[in-house]
Amino acid sequence: MDSDNLIRLKGVTIGLATNDCVLWPLSVNNSGYGMKYDRSSGGKRAYLAHRWVYERVVGPIPEGMVLDHTCRVKDCVNPAHLDLVDTVTNNERAALVRRANSEAREFCVNGHRAQWFRKGSSGHLRCRQCDRTQQARARAKRKAVRANPAV
């Protein structure tokens, strides 16, 4: 990397002197993370792009540590948006974001206007209308079994 905060690779220049997300311009994997492929050692080595850029700009990533995208944009490679944390912290942050996104949904998967509540020890969010429908089906099934017991 040169002094003006640019990374150049295969005719693509990535400018890192910004507070905005810097999206990886090359290939992206099925999970949405940018990928960097290195064929220089005879084989084909794949790197997650944000890790590859971080190691060139900031330095090596210590054993047992991971990079957390504080911007929550998976193909962002801006080192200012990458926080070096342990796996537990990274998973806790991701769970908080997933929960906040679930609670912010206006409709459930069945199209009901969402009235969320937590059910059971797992604490998963449930749609109140879907839960009522499921309970009514279960009651009807139990009633049918009681009325016509199998011989």
N, C-alpha and C. Protein backbone atom coordinates (compact mmCIF):
# COMPACT_ATOMS: atom_id res chain seq x y z
N MET A 1 0.85 -1.19 0.00
CA MET A 1 0.00 0.00 0.00
C MET A 1 0.88 1.23 0.00
N ASP A 2 0.50 2.23 -0.77
CA ASP A 2 1.31 3.44 -0.80
C ASP A 2 0.74 4.50 0.13
N SER A 3 1.44 5.60 0.22
CA SER A 3 1.16 6.60 1.26
C SER A 3 -0.19 7.30 1.10
N ASP A 4 -0.79 7.27 -0.08
CA ASP A 4 -2.05 7.99 -0.24
C ASP A 4 -3.28 7.11 0.03
N ASN A 5 -3.11 6.06 0.84
CA ASN A 5 -4.22 5.18 1.26
C ASN A 5 -4.95 4.55 0.10
N LEU A 6 -4.19 4.02 -0.86
CA LEU A 6 -4.77 3.31 -1.99
C LEU A 6 -4.21 1.90 -2.03
N ILE A 7 -5.06 0.96 -2.38
CA ILE A 7 -4.61 -0.40 -2.65
C ILE A 7 -4.93 -0.66 -4.11
N ARG A 8 -3.91 -1.12 -4.85
CA ARG A 8 -4.10 -1.40 -6.27
C ARG A 8 -3.96 -2.90 -6.51
N LEU A 9 -4.92 -3.45 -7.23
CA LEU A 9 -4.82 -4.85 -7.61
C LEU A 9 -5.55 -5.10 -8.90
N LYS A 10 -4.88 -5.77 -9.83
CA LYS A 10 -5.46 -6.14 -11.13
C LYS A 10 -6.27 -5.02 -11.77
N GLY A 11 -5.70 -3.83 -11.86
CA GLY A 11 -6.36 -2.73 -12.52
C GLY A 11 -7.46 -2.06 -11.72
N VAL A 12 -7.66 -2.49 -10.48
CA VAL A 12 -8.68 -1.89 -9.62
C VAL A 12 -7.98 -1.15 -8.49
N THR A 13 -8.39 0.07 -8.26
CA THR A 13 -7.83 0.86 -7.17
C THR A 13 -8.89 1.04 -6.10
N ILE A 14 -8.50 0.75 -4.87
CA ILE A 14 -9.42 0.90 -3.74
C ILE A 14 -8.90 2.03 -2.87
N GLY A 15 -9.69 3.10 -2.74
CA GLY A 15 -9.31 4.22 -1.89
C GLY A 15 -9.84 4.02 -0.49
N LEU A 16 -8.96 4.13 0.51
CA LEU A 16 -9.34 3.88 1.88
C LEU A 16 -9.41 5.14 2.73
N ALA A 17 -9.13 6.29 2.15
CA ALA A 17 -9.12 7.54 2.92
C ALA A 17 -10.53 8.14 2.96
N THR A 18 -11.44 7.43 3.59
CA THR A 18 -12.82 7.88 3.68
C THR A 18 -13.45 7.30 4.94
N ASN A 19 -14.51 7.93 5.43
CA ASN A 19 -15.25 7.37 6.55
C ASN A 19 -16.40 6.49 6.07
N ASP A 20 -16.67 6.52 4.76
CA ASP A 20 -17.74 5.73 4.19
C ASP A 20 -17.31 4.28 4.01
N CYS A 21 -18.27 3.41 3.77
CA CYS A 21 -17.95 2.03 3.45
C CYS A 21 -17.18 1.99 2.13
N VAL A 22 -16.20 1.13 2.07
CA VAL A 22 -15.45 0.90 0.85
C VAL A 22 -15.79 -0.53 0.42
N LEU A 23 -16.63 -0.65 -0.60
CA LEU A 23 -17.10 -1.96 -1.03
C LEU A 23 -16.06 -2.65 -1.90
N TRP A 24 -15.87 -3.95 -1.65
CA TRP A 24 -14.92 -4.75 -2.41
C TRP A 24 -15.39 -4.84 -3.86
N PRO A 25 -14.55 -4.42 -4.82
CA PRO A 25 -15.00 -4.35 -6.21
C PRO A 25 -14.88 -5.66 -6.99
N LEU A 26 -14.23 -6.67 -6.41
CA LEU A 26 -14.03 -7.92 -7.13
C LEU A 26 -15.05 -8.96 -6.67
N SER A 27 -14.72 -10.22 -6.67
CA SER A 27 -15.70 -11.27 -6.39
C SER A 27 -16.17 -11.27 -4.94
N VAL A 28 -17.41 -11.75 -4.77
CA VAL A 28 -18.05 -11.85 -3.46
C VAL A 28 -18.56 -13.28 -3.31
N ASN A 29 -18.39 -13.88 -2.11
CA ASN A 29 -18.85 -15.26 -1.91
C ASN A 29 -20.35 -15.31 -1.64
N ASN A 30 -20.88 -16.52 -1.45
CA ASN A 30 -22.33 -16.70 -1.26
C ASN A 30 -22.85 -16.03 0.00
N SER A 31 -21.98 -15.80 0.98
CA SER A 31 -22.39 -15.16 2.23
C SER A 31 -22.32 -13.64 2.15
N GLY A 32 -21.82 -13.10 1.04
CA GLY A 32 -21.77 -11.66 0.86
C GLY A 32 -20.43 -11.03 1.19
N TYR A 33 -19.42 -11.82 1.56
CA TYR A 33 -18.10 -11.30 1.88
C TYR A 33 -17.25 -11.23 0.62
N GLY A 34 -16.46 -10.15 0.51
CA GLY A 34 -15.54 -10.02 -0.61
C GLY A 34 -14.46 -11.08 -0.54
N MET A 35 -14.02 -11.55 -1.71
CA MET A 35 -13.00 -12.60 -1.77
C MET A 35 -11.81 -12.11 -2.59
N LYS A 36 -10.62 -12.48 -2.12
CA LYS A 36 -9.36 -12.19 -2.83
C LYS A 36 -8.69 -13.52 -3.09
N TYR A 37 -8.37 -13.79 -4.36
CA TYR A 37 -7.74 -15.06 -4.72
C TYR A 37 -6.29 -14.82 -5.08
N ASP A 38 -5.40 -15.68 -4.57
CA ASP A 38 -3.97 -15.57 -4.84
C ASP A 38 -3.52 -16.84 -5.55
N ARG A 39 -3.06 -16.65 -6.76
CA ARG A 39 -2.59 -17.80 -7.53
C ARG A 39 -1.07 -17.81 -7.66
N SER A 40 -0.39 -16.95 -6.94
CA SER A 40 1.06 -16.79 -7.09
C SER A 40 1.86 -17.99 -6.61
N SER A 41 1.35 -18.78 -5.67
CA SER A 41 2.11 -19.90 -5.11
C SER A 41 1.80 -21.22 -5.81
N GLY A 42 1.33 -21.15 -7.04
CA GLY A 42 1.05 -22.37 -7.79
C GLY A 42 -0.37 -22.87 -7.63
N GLY A 43 -0.95 -22.71 -6.45
CA GLY A 43 -2.32 -23.14 -6.20
C GLY A 43 -3.27 -21.97 -6.28
N LYS A 44 -4.43 -22.16 -5.72
CA LYS A 44 -5.42 -21.09 -5.67
C LYS A 44 -5.80 -20.89 -4.21
N ARG A 45 -5.28 -19.85 -3.58
CA ARG A 45 -5.54 -19.56 -2.17
C ARG A 45 -6.59 -18.48 -2.10
N ALA A 46 -7.64 -18.69 -1.30
CA ALA A 46 -8.72 -17.72 -1.16
C ALA A 46 -8.60 -17.00 0.18
N TYR A 47 -8.79 -15.70 0.18
CA TYR A 47 -8.77 -14.88 1.39
C TYR A 47 -10.08 -14.10 1.47
N LEU A 48 -10.57 -13.89 2.68
CA LEU A 48 -11.67 -12.94 2.85
C LEU A 48 -11.07 -11.55 2.64
N ALA A 49 -11.70 -10.77 1.78
CA ALA A 49 -11.11 -9.49 1.36
C ALA A 49 -10.88 -8.54 2.53
N HIS A 50 -11.81 -8.47 3.48
CA HIS A 50 -11.64 -7.53 4.59
C HIS A 50 -10.43 -7.91 5.44
N ARG A 51 -10.18 -9.21 5.60
CA ARG A 51 -9.00 -9.65 6.34
C ARG A 51 -7.73 -9.34 5.55
N TRP A 52 -7.77 -9.57 4.25
CA TRP A 52 -6.61 -9.32 3.39
C TRP A 52 -6.21 -7.84 3.43
N VAL A 53 -7.21 -6.95 3.30
CA VAL A 53 -6.93 -5.50 3.33
C VAL A 53 -6.44 -5.10 4.71
N TYR A 54 -7.10 -5.56 5.77
CA TYR A 54 -6.72 -5.20 7.14
C TYR A 54 -5.26 -5.56 7.41
N GLU A 55 -4.84 -6.76 7.00
CA GLU A 55 -3.47 -7.20 7.25
C GLU A 55 -2.46 -6.35 6.49
N ARG A 56 -2.83 -5.83 5.33
CA ARG A 56 -1.91 -4.98 4.58
C ARG A 56 -1.87 -3.55 5.09
N VAL A 57 -2.97 -3.08 5.64
CA VAL A 57 -3.05 -1.68 6.09
C VAL A 57 -2.69 -1.54 7.57
N VAL A 58 -3.25 -2.40 8.42
CA VAL A 58 -3.09 -2.27 9.87
C VAL A 58 -2.00 -3.19 10.40
N GLY A 59 -2.03 -4.43 9.98
CA GLY A 59 -1.05 -5.41 10.45
C GLY A 59 -1.71 -6.77 10.64
N PRO A 60 -0.94 -7.74 11.14
CA PRO A 60 -1.47 -9.09 11.28
C PRO A 60 -2.61 -9.17 12.30
N ILE A 61 -3.48 -10.14 12.07
CA ILE A 61 -4.59 -10.40 12.98
C ILE A 61 -4.12 -11.47 13.96
N PRO A 62 -4.11 -11.17 15.26
CA PRO A 62 -3.62 -12.14 16.24
C PRO A 62 -4.45 -13.42 16.26
N GLU A 63 -3.81 -14.51 16.64
CA GLU A 63 -4.48 -15.81 16.78
C GLU A 63 -5.67 -15.69 17.72
N GLY A 64 -6.80 -16.26 17.34
CA GLY A 64 -7.99 -16.25 18.19
C GLY A 64 -8.84 -14.99 18.06
N MET A 65 -8.41 -14.06 17.24
CA MET A 65 -9.16 -12.81 17.05
C MET A 65 -9.81 -12.81 15.67
N VAL A 66 -10.90 -12.09 15.54
CA VAL A 66 -11.61 -11.94 14.27
C VAL A 66 -11.91 -10.47 14.05
N LEU A 67 -12.32 -10.14 12.83
CA LEU A 67 -12.68 -8.77 12.50
C LEU A 67 -14.20 -8.64 12.48
N ASP A 68 -14.71 -7.68 13.21
CA ASP A 68 -16.15 -7.40 13.25
C ASP A 68 -16.42 -6.18 12.39
N HIS A 69 -17.34 -6.31 11.44
CA HIS A 69 -17.74 -5.17 10.61
C HIS A 69 -18.66 -4.28 11.46
N THR A 70 -18.16 -3.17 11.96
CA THR A 70 -18.98 -2.29 12.78
C THR A 70 -20.07 -1.61 11.94
N CYS A 71 -19.86 -1.53 10.63
CA CYS A 71 -20.86 -0.94 9.73
C CYS A 71 -21.93 -1.95 9.33
N ARG A 72 -21.69 -3.22 9.60
CA ARG A 72 -22.60 -4.33 9.27
C ARG A 72 -22.76 -4.55 7.78
N VAL A 73 -21.79 -4.09 6.97
CA VAL A 73 -21.79 -4.31 5.53
C VAL A 73 -20.70 -5.33 5.24
N LYS A 74 -21.10 -6.54 4.84
CA LYS A 74 -20.17 -7.65 4.74
C LYS A 74 -19.06 -7.46 3.71
N ASP A 75 -19.33 -6.75 2.63
CA ASP A 75 -18.27 -6.58 1.63
C ASP A 75 -17.52 -5.25 1.76
N CYS A 76 -17.67 -4.60 2.91
CA CYS A 76 -16.89 -3.38 3.21
C CYS A 76 -15.49 -3.79 3.64
N VAL A 77 -14.47 -3.13 3.07
CA VAL A 77 -13.08 -3.44 3.42
C VAL A 77 -12.38 -2.24 4.05
N ASN A 78 -13.13 -1.22 4.45
CA ASN A 78 -12.54 -0.05 5.09
C ASN A 78 -12.03 -0.45 6.47
N PRO A 79 -10.71 -0.37 6.72
CA PRO A 79 -10.17 -0.78 8.02
C PRO A 79 -10.75 -0.01 9.20
N ALA A 80 -11.24 1.22 8.95
CA ALA A 80 -11.86 2.00 10.02
C ALA A 80 -13.18 1.39 10.47
N HIS A 81 -13.77 0.53 9.64
CA HIS A 81 -15.04 -0.11 9.97
C HIS A 81 -14.85 -1.52 10.51
N LEU A 82 -13.59 -1.93 10.70
CA LEU A 82 -13.28 -3.28 11.17
C LEU A 82 -12.72 -3.21 12.58
N ASP A 83 -13.37 -3.92 13.49
CA ASP A 83 -12.97 -3.92 14.89
C ASP A 83 -12.40 -5.29 15.23
N LEU A 84 -11.20 -5.32 15.80
CA LEU A 84 -10.54 -6.56 16.18
C LEU A 84 -11.11 -7.04 17.51
N VAL A 85 -11.83 -8.18 17.48
CA VAL A 85 -12.49 -8.70 18.68
C VAL A 85 -12.31 -10.22 18.74
N ASP A 86 -12.67 -10.81 19.89
CA ASP A 86 -12.66 -12.27 19.97
C ASP A 86 -13.98 -12.80 19.39
N THR A 87 -14.04 -14.10 19.15
CA THR A 87 -15.21 -14.71 18.51
C THR A 87 -16.48 -14.53 19.34
N VAL A 88 -16.36 -14.64 20.65
CA VAL A 88 -17.54 -14.50 21.52
C VAL A 88 -18.16 -13.11 21.37
N THR A 89 -17.33 -12.08 21.41
CA THR A 89 -17.82 -10.70 21.26
C THR A 89 -18.46 -10.51 19.89
N ASN A 90 -17.82 -11.04 18.84
CA ASN A 90 -18.35 -10.92 17.49
C ASN A 90 -19.73 -11.58 17.39
N ASN A 91 -19.88 -12.78 17.96
CA ASN A 91 -21.17 -13.47 17.93
C ASN A 91 -22.23 -12.74 18.74
N GLU A 92 -21.86 -12.17 19.88
CA GLU A 92 -22.82 -11.40 20.69
C GLU A 92 -23.31 -10.18 19.93
N ARG A 93 -22.39 -9.47 19.28
CA ARG A 93 -22.79 -8.29 18.51
C ARG A 93 -23.71 -8.68 17.36
N ALA A 94 -23.39 -9.78 16.68
CA ALA A 94 -24.23 -10.23 15.56
C ALA A 94 -25.63 -10.59 16.05
N ALA A 95 -25.72 -11.25 17.21
CA ALA A 95 -27.02 -11.62 17.76
C ALA A 95 -27.86 -10.39 18.09
N LEU A 96 -27.22 -9.35 18.63
CA LEU A 96 -27.93 -8.10 18.94
C LEU A 96 -28.50 -7.47 17.67
N VAL A 97 -27.71 -7.49 16.60
CA VAL A 97 -28.16 -6.91 15.34
C VAL A 97 -29.30 -7.73 14.76
N ARG A 98 -29.18 -9.07 14.79
CA ARG A 98 -30.27 -9.92 14.28
C ARG A 98 -31.55 -9.68 15.05
N ARG A 99 -31.45 -9.59 16.37
CA ARG A 99 -32.64 -9.37 17.20
C ARG A 99 -33.28 -8.01 16.86
N ALA A 100 -32.45 -6.97 16.75
CA ALA A 100 -32.98 -5.64 16.44
C ALA A 100 -33.65 -5.65 15.06
N ASN A 101 -33.06 -6.34 14.08
CA ASN A 101 -33.65 -6.41 12.75
C ASN A 101 -34.97 -7.16 12.78
N SER A 102 -35.05 -8.23 13.56
CA SER A 102 -36.30 -9.01 13.66
C SER A 102 -37.39 -8.17 14.27
N GLU A 103 -37.08 -7.44 15.33
CA GLU A 103 -38.08 -6.63 16.02
C GLU A 103 -38.55 -5.47 15.16
N ALA A 104 -37.72 -5.04 14.22
CA ALA A 104 -38.06 -3.89 13.39
C ALA A 104 -38.96 -4.27 12.21
N ARG A 105 -39.09 -5.58 11.92
CA ARG A 105 -39.94 -5.99 10.80
C ARG A 105 -41.39 -5.61 11.06
N GLU A 106 -42.07 -5.14 10.03
CA GLU A 106 -43.45 -4.69 10.18
C GLU A 106 -44.45 -5.81 9.96
N PHE A 107 -44.06 -6.83 9.15
CA PHE A 107 -44.95 -7.95 8.85
C PHE A 107 -44.22 -9.26 9.09
N CYS A 108 -44.96 -10.28 9.52
CA CYS A 108 -44.37 -11.61 9.68
C CYS A 108 -44.30 -12.29 8.32
N VAL A 109 -43.74 -13.49 8.25
CA VAL A 109 -43.60 -14.20 6.98
C VAL A 109 -44.95 -14.57 6.37
N ASN A 110 -46.00 -14.63 7.17
CA ASN A 110 -47.33 -14.94 6.66
C ASN A 110 -48.15 -13.69 6.32
N GLY A 111 -47.55 -12.54 6.41
CA GLY A 111 -48.21 -11.30 6.01
C GLY A 111 -49.01 -10.61 7.09
N HIS A 112 -49.00 -11.14 8.31
CA HIS A 112 -49.73 -10.47 9.41
C HIS A 112 -48.95 -9.24 9.86
N ARG A 113 -49.68 -8.21 10.21
CA ARG A 113 -49.01 -7.05 10.81
C ARG A 113 -48.39 -7.55 12.10
N ALA A 114 -47.11 -7.37 12.21
CA ALA A 114 -46.35 -8.01 13.29
C ALA A 114 -46.71 -7.44 14.66
N GLN A 115 -47.08 -8.33 15.55
CA GLN A 115 -47.21 -8.05 16.98
C GLN A 115 -46.32 -9.09 17.66
N TRP A 116 -45.05 -8.73 17.84
CA TRP A 116 -44.06 -9.69 18.31
C TRP A 116 -44.16 -9.94 19.81
N PHE A 117 -43.87 -11.16 20.19
CA PHE A 117 -43.70 -11.48 21.60
C PHE A 117 -42.70 -12.62 21.69
N ARG A 118 -42.09 -12.77 22.86
CA ARG A 118 -41.10 -13.84 23.06
C ARG A 118 -41.80 -15.05 23.64
N LYS A 119 -41.44 -16.21 23.13
CA LYS A 119 -42.11 -17.43 23.58
C LYS A 119 -41.07 -18.46 23.99
N GLY A 120 -41.31 -19.10 25.13
CA GLY A 120 -40.47 -20.21 25.57
C GLY A 120 -39.10 -19.77 26.08
N SER A 121 -38.33 -20.76 26.45
CA SER A 121 -37.03 -20.48 27.04
C SER A 121 -36.02 -20.00 26.00
N SER A 122 -36.29 -20.27 24.72
CA SER A 122 -35.35 -19.84 23.67
C SER A 122 -35.42 -18.33 23.45
N GLY A 123 -36.56 -17.73 23.77
CA GLY A 123 -36.70 -16.29 23.61
C GLY A 123 -36.90 -15.86 22.17
N HIS A 124 -37.23 -16.80 21.27
CA HIS A 124 -37.45 -16.44 19.87
C HIS A 124 -38.69 -15.57 19.74
N LEU A 125 -38.61 -14.63 18.81
CA LEU A 125 -39.77 -13.77 18.55
C LEU A 125 -40.81 -14.55 17.76
N ARG A 126 -42.06 -14.38 18.12
CA ARG A 126 -43.17 -15.03 17.43
C ARG A 126 -44.21 -13.97 17.09
N CYS A 127 -44.90 -14.20 15.99
CA CYS A 127 -46.03 -13.36 15.62
C CYS A 127 -47.23 -13.84 16.43
N ARG A 128 -47.92 -12.94 17.08
CA ARG A 128 -49.05 -13.31 17.93
C ARG A 128 -50.15 -14.01 17.13
N GLN A 129 -50.48 -13.50 15.94
CA GLN A 129 -51.53 -14.10 15.12
C GLN A 129 -51.13 -15.50 14.64
N CYS A 130 -49.89 -15.68 14.21
CA CYS A 130 -49.43 -17.01 13.78
C CYS A 130 -49.46 -17.99 14.94
N ASP A 131 -49.08 -17.52 16.13
CA ASP A 131 -49.09 -18.39 17.30
C ASP A 131 -50.53 -18.82 17.64
N ARG A 132 -51.48 -17.90 17.57
CA ARG A 132 -52.88 -18.24 17.83
C ARG A 132 -53.40 -19.26 16.82
N THR A 133 -53.06 -19.08 15.56
CA THR A 133 -53.47 -20.00 14.51
C THR A 133 -52.90 -21.39 14.76
N GLN A 134 -51.63 -21.46 15.12
CA GLN A 134 -50.98 -22.74 15.39
C GLN A 134 -51.62 -23.43 16.60
N GLN A 135 -51.92 -22.66 17.64
CA GLN A 135 -52.56 -23.25 18.83
C GLN A 135 -53.96 -23.76 18.50
N ALA A 136 -54.71 -23.04 17.67
CA ALA A 136 -56.06 -23.49 17.28
C ALA A 136 -55.99 -24.80 16.50
N ARG A 137 -55.01 -24.93 15.58
CA ARG A 137 -54.83 -26.17 14.84
C ARG A 137 -54.51 -27.33 15.78
N ALA A 138 -53.63 -27.08 16.75
CA ALA A 138 -53.25 -28.13 17.70
C ALA A 138 -54.44 -28.56 18.55
N ARG A 139 -55.28 -27.58 19.00
CA ARG A 139 -56.48 -27.92 19.77
C ARG A 139 -57.44 -28.76 18.95
N ALA A 140 -57.66 -28.39 17.69
CA ALA A 140 -58.57 -29.14 16.82
C ALA A 140 -58.06 -30.56 16.59
N LYS A 141 -56.78 -30.70 16.44
CA LYS A 141 -56.20 -32.03 16.23
C LYS A 141 -56.38 -32.90 17.48
N ARG A 142 -56.14 -32.33 18.67
CA ARG A 142 -56.33 -33.08 19.92
C ARG A 142 -57.79 -33.47 20.10
N LYS A 143 -58.70 -32.56 19.76
CA LYS A 143 -60.14 -32.83 19.89
C LYS A 143 -60.56 -33.96 18.96
N ALA A 144 -60.03 -33.95 17.72
CA ALA A 144 -60.36 -35.01 16.75
C ALA A 144 -59.84 -36.36 17.22
N VAL A 145 -58.67 -36.38 17.81
CA VAL A 145 -58.09 -37.64 18.31
C VAL A 145 -58.92 -38.17 19.46
N ARG A 146 -59.38 -37.30 20.36
CA ARG A 146 -60.20 -37.72 21.50
C ARG A 146 -61.57 -38.24 21.03
N ALA A 147 -62.12 -37.61 19.99
CA ALA A 147 -63.42 -38.01 19.49
C ALA A 147 -63.36 -39.34 18.74
N ASN A 148 -62.30 -39.63 18.07
CA ASN A 148 -62.14 -40.87 17.29
C ASN A 148 -60.83 -41.56 17.69
N PRO A 149 -60.76 -42.16 18.88
CA PRO A 149 -59.52 -42.81 19.27
C PRO A 149 -59.22 -44.01 18.38
N ALA A 150 -57.97 -44.20 18.05
CA ALA A 150 -57.57 -45.34 17.21
C ALA A 150 -57.73 -46.63 17.99
N VAL A 151 -58.27 -47.65 17.37
CA VAL A 151 -58.53 -48.92 18.03
C VAL A 151 -57.41 -49.88 17.77
